[in-house]
Amino acid sequence: MTEAPRILQILARRPFWVLALLGLLLWLPGILSLPPLDRDESRFAQASRQMVESGNLVDIRFGQVPRYKKPVGIYWLQAAATGIADKFPGVDDHHIWTYRLPSLFGGIAAAWLTVWCALALTGAETAFLAGVLMLGTVLLTGEASIATTDAVLLASVVAMQGVLIRVWRAARVEGAPAVPTRLVLAGWAAMAAGILIKGPVPLGVAAVTVAGLVAWDRQWRDRQWRWLAQLRPASGTLLAALLVAPWLLAIAIQSHGAFFQQALGNDFAAKIAGGQESHGAPPGYFLVLSAITFWPTILFVAPALVAAVQRRADPMIHFLLVWAGGWWLLVELVPTKLPHYVLAAYPPLAILAALWLAQPQPSSTGTRIARWAGGIQFVLGAALLAAAPIILTRLYGAGSGMDWRLLALAGTGAILSLVALVLFLTRRDGLAMAAALAALFVFVPGLTAEVAPGLSRIWVSARLAPLVAEHARPGDPPPALAGFQEPSLVFALGKDVVLTDGRGAADAAAARGGLALIEDRERGAFLARLAELQDDAEAEATLSGFNYSRGKPVHVTGYRVGRIAR
């Protein structure tokens, strides 16, 4: 890359400060402006809030029921972040952004650790470039902006892999420094942290990487696999067990073993056995989706892979290919597929892209084809991002007209993307990267801070909560919900709401009085049951919208039910 070496050298002198600033600029607008999302974000946030309220740091509950799908790590982090934020005036545990803070810092840490991984095989400027290419991706942007597990998980995985790549370098590169035992044990601690965040996933990333390295070189011959002893497996396993076991033992006692049955049996095993919760997809799903999830870095990935395959004899390139390819292949083969499953394969690809940008390769037929392939993927992602403000506003916005600011947003992002493409195809790769990242910084804050909050039809819970507050009376119990029971509404109204069907809502409301929020498909059963109870309900408010979790329109009526005299 020759276009702007001086500015890269300047920025690379303070890589962590620059990456932190870029992450804040890119992600904070969405963190602060987006309403609570369905379904996982609101489930995590509500369970973390209940952990704060109860003071029980072992059990995990959503509403009145246990939530035993993921380990406790993310709930601890969200509870701690919210507890600290609550100390500031005007902030309380109803603000969703406080639960998003661990993801924000996890995403920044993942970019920092990508730099650290890259420093094992390249200089400061290229390593910084790898961090920027990792930070500036749509998928990490999404995960760093919401209160779920994956940005924090990625940070723990990249920390673990950063230790593993240094152990590999010490074994395979002549003159490479030995890895101190304390650093190796830090890698095991990072794995343990990842296990507390999301169970066996970090172990899986490490396992496929090690297995791929051993299998590629056929290291079972002549006992070449002995380098694995440098990982200190005995002491490392003991350390990881000491870090993870206390909570596992506590939750086993608390849940009477139900946590392991639900987390490992009902959740993890079900994802491996089949397409869980309608999230099945054939192999190739992540490859197709990468045009948007790895945008704009996807522009450079195909030619970077061509160059990497040509240099596969280099042990460090070898490691990156095995890390990325092994995990990508594994998640493509798993029947259940969600976009974030492939995230752990992105850091090595970002490093390979940075290496390619920093060391341009001679033009060849393979490189030219790869450039066009990367360009096509980039154009597809750019087209989706440019169309999103217009299409989403027309489908789900409150007004009928089109705000000129949205047209300006879409147009500016599209023009910058086109400039990046032209620069890339004319081999001015450094400037192409700068233009592509500029397009990202137009699209993402515009979509999250300007477009998304105005999509009132999809924010059903955010509109129902003030409606309930408006019609509530002193002494009302928490409302009963039937039909529309998304976790975002539980987060908005509190853990004591009654989640039931139409008949159950009639029973609860008739017994306690107060409000019942009934979606149209449960209204018949609700009114029929009230008639059986010889009670009546008055419709006080209605609300229409679109349930994006189910892909269906919704119409909710708020009824006030008189309490039956007993």
Protein backbone atom coordinates (compact mmCIF):
# COMPACT_ATOMS: atom_id res chain seq x y z
CA MET A 1 0.00 0.00 0.00
CA THR A 2 1.66 3.24 -1.14
CA GLU A 3 -1.05 5.95 -1.20
CA ALA A 4 -0.87 7.27 2.37
CA PRO A 5 1.95 5.64 4.36
CA ARG A 6 2.65 8.74 6.42
CA ILE A 7 -0.85 9.01 7.92
CA LEU A 8 -0.82 5.29 8.66
CA GLN A 9 2.48 5.62 10.51
CA ILE A 10 1.10 8.49 12.58
CA LEU A 11 -2.09 6.63 13.52
CA ALA A 12 -0.21 3.40 14.25
CA ARG A 13 1.80 5.17 16.97
CA ARG A 14 -1.34 5.22 19.16
CA PRO A 15 -3.29 2.25 17.78
CA PHE A 16 -5.37 1.52 20.85
CA TRP A 17 -6.49 5.11 21.38
CA VAL A 18 -7.36 5.49 17.70
CA LEU A 19 -9.31 2.22 17.60
CA ALA A 20 -11.19 3.13 20.77
CA LEU A 21 -12.16 6.48 19.28
CA LEU A 22 -13.28 4.87 16.02
CA GLY A 23 -15.34 2.32 17.93
CA LEU A 24 -17.06 5.01 19.98
CA LEU A 25 -17.82 7.10 16.89
CA LEU A 26 -19.18 4.11 14.99
CA TRP A 27 -21.14 2.34 17.70
CA LEU A 28 -22.27 4.86 20.31
CA PRO A 29 -25.02 6.41 18.12
CA GLY A 30 -26.81 3.06 17.91
CA ILE A 31 -26.14 2.13 21.52
CA LEU A 32 -27.76 5.33 22.74
CA SER A 33 -30.64 5.58 20.27
CA LEU A 34 -31.93 2.09 19.50
CA PRO A 35 -34.87 0.82 21.61
CA PRO A 36 -34.51 -2.60 23.27
CA LEU A 37 -34.37 -5.29 20.58
CA ASP A 38 -36.12 -8.63 20.40
CA ARG A 39 -35.47 -11.22 21.30
CA ASP A 40 -32.07 -12.06 22.75
CA GLU A 41 -31.00 -8.56 23.73
CA SER A 42 -34.07 -7.90 25.87
CA ARG A 43 -33.81 -11.34 27.46
CA PHE A 44 -30.18 -10.75 28.43
CA ALA A 45 -30.87 -7.24 29.70
CA GLN A 46 -33.95 -8.22 31.73
CA ALA A 47 -32.18 -11.21 33.29
CA SER A 48 -29.22 -8.96 34.19
CA ARG A 49 -31.58 -6.40 35.74
CA GLN A 50 -33.21 -9.11 37.83
CA MET A 51 -29.77 -10.24 38.96
CA VAL A 52 -29.10 -6.70 40.21
CA GLU A 53 -32.51 -6.45 41.88
CA SER A 54 -32.29 -9.85 43.60
CA GLY A 55 -28.60 -9.68 44.51
CA ASN A 56 -28.35 -13.34 43.41
CA LEU A 57 -25.23 -13.59 41.24
CA VAL A 58 -25.62 -17.33 40.64
CA ASP A 59 -29.14 -17.88 39.33
CA ILE A 60 -30.34 -16.49 35.99
CA ARG A 61 -34.03 -15.66 35.61
CA PHE A 62 -36.19 -13.96 33.02
CA GLY A 63 -39.47 -12.86 34.53
CA GLN A 64 -40.73 -15.66 36.72
CA VAL A 65 -38.85 -18.51 34.99
CA PRO A 66 -35.19 -19.64 34.88
CA ARG A 67 -33.12 -18.72 31.84
CA TYR A 68 -30.58 -21.49 31.52
CA LYS A 69 -29.39 -21.19 27.91
CA LYS A 70 -26.07 -19.40 28.43
CA PRO A 71 -23.57 -19.22 31.30
CA VAL A 72 -23.42 -16.33 33.71
CA GLY A 73 -20.51 -14.26 32.41
CA ILE A 74 -22.42 -11.76 30.28
CA TYR A 75 -25.02 -11.25 33.02
CA TRP A 76 -22.28 -10.38 35.50
CA LEU A 77 -20.80 -7.85 33.09
CA GLN A 78 -24.14 -6.27 32.23
CA ALA A 79 -25.20 -6.17 35.87
CA ALA A 80 -21.90 -4.53 36.85
CA ALA A 81 -22.10 -1.98 34.01
CA THR A 82 -25.66 -1.06 34.92
CA GLY A 83 -24.84 -0.90 38.62
CA ILE A 84 -22.02 1.56 37.92
CA ALA A 85 -24.07 3.62 35.44
CA ASP A 86 -26.93 3.87 37.97
CA LYS A 87 -24.69 5.99 40.18
CA PHE A 88 -24.92 8.86 37.69
CA PRO A 89 -27.82 11.32 37.84
CA GLY A 90 -30.70 10.58 35.50
CA VAL A 91 -29.63 6.97 34.83
CA ASP A 92 -31.47 3.90 36.07
CA ASP A 93 -31.77 0.25 35.18
CA HIS A 94 -34.53 0.94 32.63
CA HIS A 95 -32.00 2.44 30.20
CA ILE A 96 -31.05 -0.27 27.71
CA TRP A 97 -27.77 1.44 26.82
CA THR A 98 -26.28 0.57 30.21
CA TYR A 99 -26.60 -3.14 29.39
CA ARG A 100 -24.89 -2.55 26.03
CA LEU A 101 -21.69 -1.19 27.56
CA PRO A 102 -19.96 -4.60 27.89
CA SER A 103 -20.56 -5.21 24.18
CA LEU A 104 -19.13 -1.79 23.33
CA PHE A 105 -15.96 -2.44 25.30
CA GLY A 106 -15.84 -6.05 24.09
CA GLY A 107 -15.90 -4.90 20.47
CA ILE A 108 -13.11 -2.38 21.08
CA ALA A 109 -11.10 -5.04 22.94
CA ALA A 110 -11.59 -7.45 20.01
CA ALA A 111 -10.10 -4.85 17.64
CA TRP A 112 -7.20 -4.23 20.05
CA LEU A 113 -6.51 -7.95 20.34
CA THR A 114 -6.63 -8.34 16.56
CA VAL A 115 -3.75 -5.84 16.48
CA TRP A 116 -1.95 -7.89 19.12
CA CYS A 117 -2.43 -11.10 17.12
CA ALA A 118 -1.12 -9.39 13.98
CA LEU A 119 1.98 -8.14 15.81
CA ALA A 120 3.07 -11.77 16.07
CA LEU A 121 3.82 -11.74 12.32
CA THR A 122 4.00 -8.17 11.06
CA GLY A 123 4.87 -4.59 11.95
CA ALA A 124 2.93 -1.95 13.83
CA GLU A 125 1.39 -0.23 10.79
CA THR A 126 0.00 -3.41 9.25
CA ALA A 127 -1.18 -4.68 12.64
CA PHE A 128 -3.05 -1.41 13.21
CA LEU A 129 -4.57 -1.77 9.76
CA ALA A 130 -5.81 -5.24 10.70
CA GLY A 131 -7.49 -3.80 13.80
CA VAL A 132 -9.24 -1.15 11.72
CA LEU A 133 -10.43 -3.73 9.18
CA MET A 134 -11.82 -5.87 12.01
CA LEU A 135 -13.46 -3.01 13.86
CA GLY A 136 -14.99 -1.61 10.68
CA THR A 137 -17.23 -4.55 9.80
CA VAL A 138 -21.00 -4.62 9.82
CA LEU A 139 -21.20 -7.81 11.91
CA LEU A 140 -18.93 -6.60 14.71
CA THR A 141 -20.72 -3.24 14.57
CA GLY A 142 -24.03 -5.01 15.15
CA GLU A 143 -22.72 -7.17 17.98
CA ALA A 144 -20.90 -4.27 19.69
CA SER A 145 -24.09 -2.18 19.66
CA ILE A 146 -26.47 -4.58 21.43
CA ALA A 147 -26.59 -6.28 24.82
CA THR A 148 -25.71 -9.85 23.81
CA THR A 149 -22.70 -12.14 24.22
CA ASP A 150 -20.79 -12.13 20.97
CA ALA A 151 -18.62 -9.00 21.06
CA VAL A 152 -17.29 -9.96 24.50
CA LEU A 153 -16.93 -13.58 23.40
CA LEU A 154 -14.89 -12.48 20.38
CA ALA A 155 -12.50 -10.55 22.61
CA SER A 156 -11.87 -13.65 24.74
CA VAL A 157 -11.41 -15.85 21.66
CA VAL A 158 -8.92 -13.47 19.99
CA ALA A 159 -6.97 -13.17 23.25
CA MET A 160 -6.77 -16.96 23.43
CA GLN A 161 -5.74 -17.26 19.77
CA GLY A 162 -3.15 -14.51 20.22
CA VAL A 163 -1.38 -16.73 22.74
CA LEU A 164 -1.76 -19.81 20.54
CA ILE A 165 -0.22 -18.08 17.50
CA ARG A 166 2.81 -17.08 19.59
CA VAL A 167 3.28 -20.65 20.81
CA TRP A 168 3.04 -21.81 17.20
CA ARG A 169 5.57 -19.17 16.11
CA ALA A 170 8.02 -20.26 18.82
CA ALA A 171 7.77 -23.85 17.59
CA ARG A 172 7.90 -23.20 13.83
CA VAL A 173 9.85 -20.00 13.21
CA GLU A 174 13.59 -20.17 13.77
CA GLY A 175 14.78 -17.57 16.25
CA ALA A 176 11.29 -16.72 17.51
CA PRO A 177 11.15 -15.97 21.24
CA ALA A 178 9.78 -18.53 23.67
CA VAL A 179 6.39 -17.79 25.17
CA PRO A 180 6.48 -17.11 28.93
CA THR A 181 4.43 -19.47 31.05
CA ARG A 182 2.42 -16.60 32.50
CA LEU A 183 1.31 -15.60 28.99
CA VAL A 184 0.30 -19.16 28.16
CA LEU A 185 -1.74 -19.30 31.35
CA ALA A 186 -3.32 -15.96 30.42
CA GLY A 187 -4.50 -17.66 27.23
CA TRP A 188 -6.14 -20.39 29.28
CA ALA A 189 -7.74 -17.72 31.47
CA ALA A 190 -9.12 -16.07 28.31
CA MET A 191 -10.60 -19.41 27.29
CA ALA A 192 -12.19 -19.76 30.73
CA ALA A 193 -13.68 -16.27 30.43
CA GLY A 194 -15.12 -17.21 27.05
CA ILE A 195 -16.61 -20.40 28.49
CA LEU A 196 -18.32 -18.33 31.20
CA ILE A 197 -19.68 -16.10 28.43
CA LYS A 198 -20.90 -18.71 25.95
CA GLY A 199 -20.02 -22.22 26.97
CA PRO A 200 -17.86 -24.47 24.74
CA VAL A 201 -17.41 -22.02 21.83
CA PRO A 202 -13.83 -20.86 22.71
CA LEU A 203 -12.79 -24.46 23.27
CA GLY A 204 -14.20 -25.26 19.82
CA VAL A 205 -12.23 -22.46 18.13
CA ALA A 206 -8.99 -23.59 19.77
CA ALA A 207 -9.68 -27.26 19.03
CA VAL A 208 -10.35 -26.81 15.30
CA THR A 209 -7.27 -24.57 15.00
CA VAL A 210 -4.96 -27.06 16.72
CA ALA A 211 -6.49 -30.01 14.86
CA GLY A 212 -6.10 -28.19 11.55
CA LEU A 213 -2.46 -27.35 12.24
CA VAL A 214 -1.63 -30.92 13.17
CA ALA A 215 -3.57 -32.42 10.26
CA TRP A 216 -2.23 -30.01 7.60
CA ASP A 217 1.40 -30.94 8.26
CA ARG A 218 0.62 -34.55 9.22
CA GLN A 219 2.34 -33.85 12.48
CA TRP A 220 1.42 -37.19 13.94
CA ARG A 221 4.43 -38.47 11.99
CA ASP A 222 7.76 -38.19 13.76
CA ARG A 223 5.98 -36.74 16.78
CA GLN A 224 5.99 -33.20 15.37
CA TRP A 225 2.96 -32.43 17.52
CA ARG A 226 5.20 -32.17 20.57
CA TRP A 227 5.03 -28.36 20.28
CA LEU A 228 1.62 -28.70 21.94
CA ALA A 229 3.41 -29.34 25.25
CA GLN A 230 4.35 -25.65 25.25
CA LEU A 231 0.65 -24.90 25.80
CA ARG A 232 1.03 -26.30 29.34
CA PRO A 233 -2.14 -28.41 29.00
CA ALA A 234 -2.10 -29.77 32.55
CA SER A 235 -1.61 -26.49 34.40
CA GLY A 236 -3.77 -24.61 31.87
CA THR A 237 -6.67 -26.98 32.20
CA LEU A 238 -6.40 -26.79 35.98
CA LEU A 239 -6.44 -22.99 35.88
CA ALA A 240 -9.44 -22.89 33.54
CA ALA A 241 -11.28 -25.38 35.75
CA LEU A 242 -10.55 -23.32 38.86
CA LEU A 243 -11.99 -20.23 37.17
CA VAL A 244 -15.11 -21.88 35.78
CA ALA A 245 -15.93 -24.56 38.34
CA PRO A 246 -17.14 -22.40 41.27
CA TRP A 247 -20.08 -20.98 39.35
CA LEU A 248 -20.81 -24.29 37.62
CA LEU A 249 -21.00 -25.98 41.01
CA ALA A 250 -23.15 -23.20 42.43
CA ILE A 251 -25.62 -23.26 39.53
CA ALA A 252 -25.76 -27.05 39.63
CA ILE A 253 -26.88 -26.82 43.25
CA GLN A 254 -29.19 -23.84 42.64
CA SER A 255 -30.91 -25.37 39.60
CA HIS A 256 -30.75 -29.01 40.74
CA GLY A 257 -28.95 -29.83 37.49
CA ALA A 258 -31.49 -28.09 35.25
CA PHE A 259 -28.90 -25.63 33.91
CA PHE A 260 -26.82 -28.38 32.28
CA GLN A 261 -29.88 -30.08 30.86
CA GLN A 262 -31.16 -26.87 29.27
CA ALA A 263 -27.87 -25.22 28.27
CA LEU A 264 -26.06 -28.27 26.93
CA GLY A 265 -28.93 -30.60 26.10
CA ASN A 266 -31.77 -28.35 24.94
CA ASP A 267 -29.77 -25.43 23.52
CA PHE A 268 -26.24 -26.40 22.45
CA ALA A 269 -26.96 -29.98 21.38
CA ALA A 270 -30.15 -28.94 19.58
CA LYS A 271 -28.19 -26.44 17.47
CA ILE A 272 -25.78 -29.17 16.40
CA ALA A 273 -28.47 -31.77 15.76
CA GLY A 274 -30.76 -29.62 13.58
CA GLY A 275 -31.92 -26.15 12.60
CA GLN A 276 -33.11 -24.83 15.96
CA GLU A 277 -35.99 -22.34 16.08
CA SER A 278 -36.29 -22.12 12.27
CA HIS A 279 -32.66 -21.01 11.96
CA GLY A 280 -31.55 -23.88 9.74
CA ALA A 281 -29.69 -23.16 6.50
CA PRO A 282 -27.55 -25.14 4.05
CA PRO A 283 -23.74 -24.88 3.81
CA GLY A 284 -22.71 -21.70 2.02
CA TYR A 285 -25.00 -19.52 4.14
CA PHE A 286 -22.14 -17.58 5.75
CA LEU A 287 -20.33 -17.17 2.44
CA VAL A 288 -23.38 -15.55 0.87
CA LEU A 289 -24.05 -13.43 3.94
CA SER A 290 -20.45 -12.19 4.15
CA ALA A 291 -21.18 -9.64 1.42
CA ILE A 292 -23.00 -7.65 4.10
CA THR A 293 -21.70 -8.99 7.43
CA PHE A 294 -18.01 -8.53 6.50
CA TRP A 295 -18.62 -5.28 4.65
CA PRO A 296 -16.57 -3.24 3.76
CA THR A 297 -13.54 -5.43 4.56
CA ILE A 298 -14.99 -8.05 2.20
CA LEU A 299 -13.64 -5.92 -0.67
CA PHE A 300 -10.10 -7.12 0.12
CA VAL A 301 -10.71 -10.67 1.37
CA ALA A 302 -10.76 -12.60 -1.93
CA PRO A 303 -7.44 -11.24 -3.27
CA ALA A 304 -5.94 -11.56 0.21
CA LEU A 305 -6.88 -15.24 0.28
CA VAL A 306 -5.33 -15.81 -3.15
CA ALA A 307 -2.09 -14.26 -1.90
CA ALA A 308 -2.26 -16.22 1.37
CA VAL A 309 -2.71 -19.54 -0.39
CA GLN A 310 0.34 -18.75 -2.51
CA ARG A 311 2.30 -18.08 0.72
CA ARG A 312 0.84 -20.99 2.70
CA ALA A 313 4.30 -22.42 3.35
CA ASP A 314 4.91 -19.49 5.70
CA PRO A 315 4.01 -20.90 9.15
CA MET A 316 2.24 -17.72 10.24
CA ILE A 317 0.10 -17.48 7.11
CA HIS A 318 -0.52 -21.17 7.57
CA PHE A 319 -1.88 -20.49 11.08
CA LEU A 320 -4.24 -17.74 9.93
CA LEU A 321 -5.64 -19.88 7.11
CA VAL A 322 -6.27 -22.79 9.48
CA TRP A 323 -7.91 -20.55 12.09
CA ALA A 324 -10.23 -18.86 9.61
CA GLY A 325 -10.91 -21.90 7.44
CA GLY A 326 -11.37 -24.37 10.28
CA TRP A 327 -13.94 -22.31 12.17
CA TRP A 328 -15.74 -21.19 9.01
CA LEU A 329 -16.05 -24.79 7.79
CA LEU A 330 -17.33 -25.93 11.18
CA VAL A 331 -20.11 -23.35 11.41
CA GLU A 332 -21.09 -23.96 7.78
CA LEU A 333 -21.59 -27.64 8.64
CA VAL A 334 -23.63 -27.01 11.81
CA PRO A 335 -27.35 -27.16 10.83
CA THR A 336 -28.40 -24.16 12.98
CA LYS A 337 -27.05 -20.94 11.53
CA LEU A 338 -27.19 -17.37 12.83
CA PRO A 339 -25.11 -14.58 11.29
CA HIS A 340 -22.85 -14.10 14.31
CA TYR A 341 -21.69 -17.73 14.46
CA VAL A 342 -18.91 -17.02 11.93
CA LEU A 343 -17.56 -13.96 13.77
CA ALA A 344 -14.55 -15.80 15.25
CA ALA A 345 -13.23 -16.42 11.71
CA TYR A 346 -13.12 -12.71 10.86
CA PRO A 347 -10.00 -11.56 12.79
CA PRO A 348 -7.57 -13.82 10.87
CA LEU A 349 -9.19 -12.76 7.60
CA ALA A 350 -8.81 -9.11 8.62
CA ILE A 351 -5.12 -9.75 9.31
CA LEU A 352 -4.68 -11.44 5.93
CA ALA A 353 -6.43 -8.49 4.25
CA ALA A 354 -4.11 -6.06 6.04
CA LEU A 355 -1.05 -8.05 4.97
CA TRP A 356 -2.24 -7.98 1.37
CA LEU A 357 -2.88 -4.23 1.48
CA ALA A 358 0.53 -3.60 2.99
CA GLN A 359 2.38 -5.88 0.54
CA PRO A 360 0.79 -5.63 -2.92
CA GLN A 361 1.19 -8.77 -4.99
CA PRO A 362 2.08 -8.90 -8.70
CA SER A 363 -0.95 -9.01 -10.95
CA SER A 364 -1.99 -12.47 -12.11
CA THR A 365 -5.09 -14.13 -13.49
CA GLY A 366 -6.05 -15.39 -10.03
CA THR A 367 -5.58 -11.96 -8.47
CA ARG A 368 -7.61 -10.24 -11.17
CA ILE A 369 -10.47 -12.72 -10.75
CA ALA A 370 -10.28 -12.29 -6.97
CA ARG A 371 -10.47 -8.51 -7.34
CA TRP A 372 -13.65 -8.78 -9.36
CA ALA A 373 -15.08 -11.30 -6.87
CA GLY A 374 -14.34 -8.94 -3.98
CA GLY A 375 -15.80 -6.04 -5.96
CA ILE A 376 -19.03 -7.92 -6.63
CA GLN A 377 -19.45 -8.83 -2.96
CA PHE A 378 -18.70 -5.24 -1.96
CA VAL A 379 -21.28 -3.85 -4.41
CA LEU A 380 -23.96 -6.22 -3.12
CA GLY A 381 -23.36 -5.10 0.47
CA ALA A 382 -23.24 -1.43 -0.50
CA ALA A 383 -26.49 -1.74 -2.44
CA LEU A 384 -28.26 -3.25 0.58
CA LEU A 385 -26.95 -0.55 2.92
CA ALA A 386 -27.86 2.26 0.51
CA ALA A 387 -31.36 0.89 -0.07
CA ALA A 388 -32.04 0.21 3.62
CA PRO A 389 -32.89 3.79 4.71
CA ILE A 390 -35.41 4.22 1.90
CA ILE A 391 -37.01 0.77 2.03
CA LEU A 392 -37.21 0.53 5.82
CA THR A 393 -38.68 4.00 6.16
CA ARG A 394 -41.34 3.31 3.55
CA LEU A 395 -42.30 -0.03 5.12
CA TYR A 396 -42.12 0.78 8.81
CA GLY A 397 -41.88 4.55 9.23
CA ALA A 398 -44.65 6.67 10.66
CA GLY A 399 -44.89 9.21 7.83
CA SER A 400 -45.76 8.76 4.19
CA GLY A 401 -43.08 11.07 2.80
CA MET A 402 -39.35 10.58 2.43
CA ASP A 403 -37.08 12.79 4.52
CA TRP A 404 -34.41 14.46 2.37
CA ARG A 405 -31.84 13.57 5.03
CA LEU A 406 -32.39 9.86 4.35
CA LEU A 407 -31.91 10.39 0.64
CA ALA A 408 -28.73 12.32 1.39
CA LEU A 409 -27.55 9.50 3.67
CA ALA A 410 -28.18 6.81 1.07
CA GLY A 411 -26.68 8.90 -1.72
CA THR A 412 -23.53 9.87 0.18
CA GLY A 413 -22.86 6.30 1.26
CA ALA A 414 -23.47 5.00 -2.27
CA ILE A 415 -21.14 7.58 -3.83
CA LEU A 416 -18.35 6.79 -1.36
CA SER A 417 -18.84 3.07 -2.02
CA LEU A 418 -18.63 3.64 -5.77
CA VAL A 419 -15.44 5.67 -5.31
CA ALA A 420 -13.97 2.85 -3.21
CA LEU A 421 -14.84 0.30 -5.89
CA VAL A 422 -13.27 2.32 -8.71
CA LEU A 423 -10.11 2.91 -6.68
CA PHE A 424 -9.91 -0.78 -5.84
CA LEU A 425 -10.33 -1.93 -9.43
CA THR A 426 -7.64 0.52 -10.52
CA ARG A 427 -5.27 -0.90 -7.87
CA ARG A 428 -5.22 2.15 -5.56
CA ASP A 429 -6.00 -0.08 -2.62
CA GLY A 430 -5.09 2.23 0.26
CA LEU A 431 -7.37 4.98 -0.95
CA ALA A 432 -10.05 2.37 -1.67
CA MET A 433 -9.90 1.26 1.96
CA ALA A 434 -10.20 4.85 3.18
CA ALA A 435 -13.24 5.49 0.96
CA ALA A 436 -14.88 2.20 1.99
CA LEU A 437 -14.46 2.97 5.68
CA ALA A 438 -15.81 6.48 5.11
CA ALA A 439 -18.90 4.90 3.54
CA LEU A 440 -19.29 2.68 6.60
CA PHE A 441 -19.12 5.72 8.89
CA VAL A 442 -21.91 7.29 6.85
CA PHE A 443 -24.16 4.23 6.66
CA VAL A 444 -23.94 2.85 10.19
CA PRO A 445 -24.56 5.92 12.40
CA GLY A 446 -27.15 7.10 9.88
CA LEU A 447 -29.05 3.82 10.01
CA THR A 448 -28.81 3.33 13.78
CA ALA A 449 -29.27 6.91 15.00
CA GLU A 450 -31.34 8.50 12.23
CA VAL A 451 -33.34 5.79 10.46
CA ALA A 452 -34.01 3.06 13.04
CA PRO A 453 -35.59 5.20 15.80
CA GLY A 454 -38.11 6.50 13.26
CA LEU A 455 -39.36 3.03 12.32
CA SER A 456 -42.26 3.34 14.73
CA ARG A 457 -44.24 0.39 13.36
CA ILE A 458 -41.62 -2.13 14.52
CA TRP A 459 -41.09 -0.60 17.97
CA VAL A 460 -44.32 -2.04 19.35
CA SER A 461 -43.06 -2.48 22.91
CA ALA A 462 -41.59 1.02 23.02
CA ARG A 463 -45.04 2.38 22.11
CA LEU A 464 -47.02 0.05 24.38
CA ALA A 465 -45.09 0.98 27.52
CA PRO A 466 -46.17 4.67 27.57
CA LEU A 467 -49.69 3.58 26.62
CA VAL A 468 -49.81 1.40 29.75
CA ALA A 469 -48.40 4.23 31.86
CA GLU A 470 -51.03 6.60 30.50
CA HIS A 471 -53.96 4.32 31.36
CA ALA A 472 -52.65 2.86 34.61
CA ARG A 473 -54.43 3.66 37.86
CA PRO A 474 -53.07 3.70 41.39
CA GLY A 475 -52.96 0.17 42.78
CA ASP A 476 -53.00 -1.54 39.39
CA PRO A 477 -51.08 -4.82 39.30
CA PRO A 478 -48.67 -5.48 36.43
CA PRO A 479 -50.67 -6.12 33.24
CA ALA A 480 -51.44 -9.51 31.76
CA LEU A 481 -50.06 -10.10 28.24
CA ALA A 482 -51.59 -12.45 25.69
CA GLY A 483 -50.54 -12.86 22.07
CA PHE A 484 -47.81 -10.20 21.99
CA GLN A 485 -45.26 -11.28 24.61
CA GLU A 486 -41.93 -10.19 23.18
CA PRO A 487 -39.06 -9.86 25.70
CA SER A 488 -38.75 -6.14 24.93
CA LEU A 489 -42.21 -5.64 26.45
CA VAL A 490 -41.17 -7.53 29.58
CA PHE A 491 -38.09 -5.29 29.80
CA ALA A 492 -40.32 -2.23 29.41
CA LEU A 493 -42.99 -3.27 31.94
CA GLY A 494 -41.03 -5.34 34.45
CA LYS A 495 -40.61 -8.94 35.52
CA ASP A 496 -44.00 -9.26 37.23
CA VAL A 497 -46.13 -9.05 34.09
CA VAL A 498 -48.29 -12.13 33.50
CA LEU A 499 -47.36 -13.99 30.31
CA THR A 500 -50.25 -16.17 29.30
CA ASP A 501 -52.86 -16.88 26.62
CA GLY A 502 -56.25 -15.23 26.14
CA ARG A 503 -58.07 -17.38 28.71
CA GLY A 504 -55.27 -17.02 31.23
CA ALA A 505 -55.24 -13.25 30.77
CA ALA A 506 -58.97 -13.16 31.47
CA ASP A 507 -58.51 -15.20 34.65
CA ALA A 508 -55.61 -13.03 35.86
CA ALA A 509 -57.26 -9.72 35.05
CA ALA A 510 -60.60 -10.74 36.50
CA ALA A 511 -58.95 -11.89 39.72
CA ARG A 512 -56.66 -8.88 40.15
CA GLY A 513 -58.19 -6.09 38.09
CA GLY A 514 -56.05 -3.72 36.09
CA LEU A 515 -55.01 -3.85 32.45
CA ALA A 516 -54.70 -6.71 30.01
CA LEU A 517 -52.85 -6.28 26.69
CA ILE A 518 -54.47 -8.62 24.20
CA GLU A 519 -53.29 -9.22 20.65
CA ASP A 520 -56.06 -9.90 18.12
CA ARG A 521 -55.45 -13.65 17.78
CA GLU A 522 -56.10 -14.09 21.52
CA ARG A 523 -58.98 -11.63 21.79
CA GLY A 524 -61.74 -14.14 21.11
CA ALA A 525 -60.54 -16.51 23.82
CA PHE A 526 -60.05 -13.59 26.21
CA LEU A 527 -63.57 -12.20 25.78
CA ALA A 528 -65.16 -15.66 25.82
CA ARG A 529 -63.48 -16.49 29.12
CA LEU A 530 -64.59 -13.17 30.62
CA ALA A 531 -68.16 -14.00 29.60
CA GLU A 532 -67.85 -17.35 31.40
CA LEU A 533 -66.67 -15.46 34.47
CA GLN A 534 -69.59 -13.03 34.12
CA ASP A 535 -67.15 -10.16 33.96
CA ASP A 536 -66.69 -7.39 31.45
CA ALA A 537 -63.77 -5.50 29.91
CA GLU A 538 -63.53 -1.99 28.54
CA ALA A 539 -61.17 -1.31 25.64
CA GLU A 540 -59.13 1.73 26.62
CA ALA A 541 -56.53 1.91 23.84
CA THR A 542 -55.37 0.13 20.71
CA LEU A 543 -52.05 -0.04 18.91
CA SER A 544 -51.01 -1.50 15.56
CA GLY A 545 -47.54 -2.37 14.38
CA PHE A 546 -45.29 -5.07 12.95
CA ASN A 547 -43.67 -7.84 14.98
CA TYR A 548 -40.31 -8.23 13.23
CA SER A 549 -39.43 -11.28 15.33
CA ARG A 550 -42.35 -13.19 13.85
CA GLY A 551 -42.61 -11.30 10.57
CA LYS A 552 -46.30 -10.55 11.14
CA PRO A 553 -48.50 -7.49 11.71
CA VAL A 554 -49.88 -7.09 15.22
CA HIS A 555 -52.82 -5.24 16.69
CA VAL A 556 -52.95 -4.97 20.49
CA THR A 557 -55.90 -3.77 22.56
CA GLY A 558 -55.53 -2.59 26.13
CA TYR A 559 -58.52 -3.70 28.21
CA ARG A 560 -59.43 -2.67 31.74
CA VAL A 561 -61.10 -5.51 33.61
CA GLY A 562 -63.08 -5.08 36.80
CA ARG A 563 -61.94 -7.36 39.58
CA ILE A 564 -64.42 -10.10 40.47
CA ALA A 565 -65.70 -9.85 44.01
CA ARG A 566 -64.76 -12.93 46.00
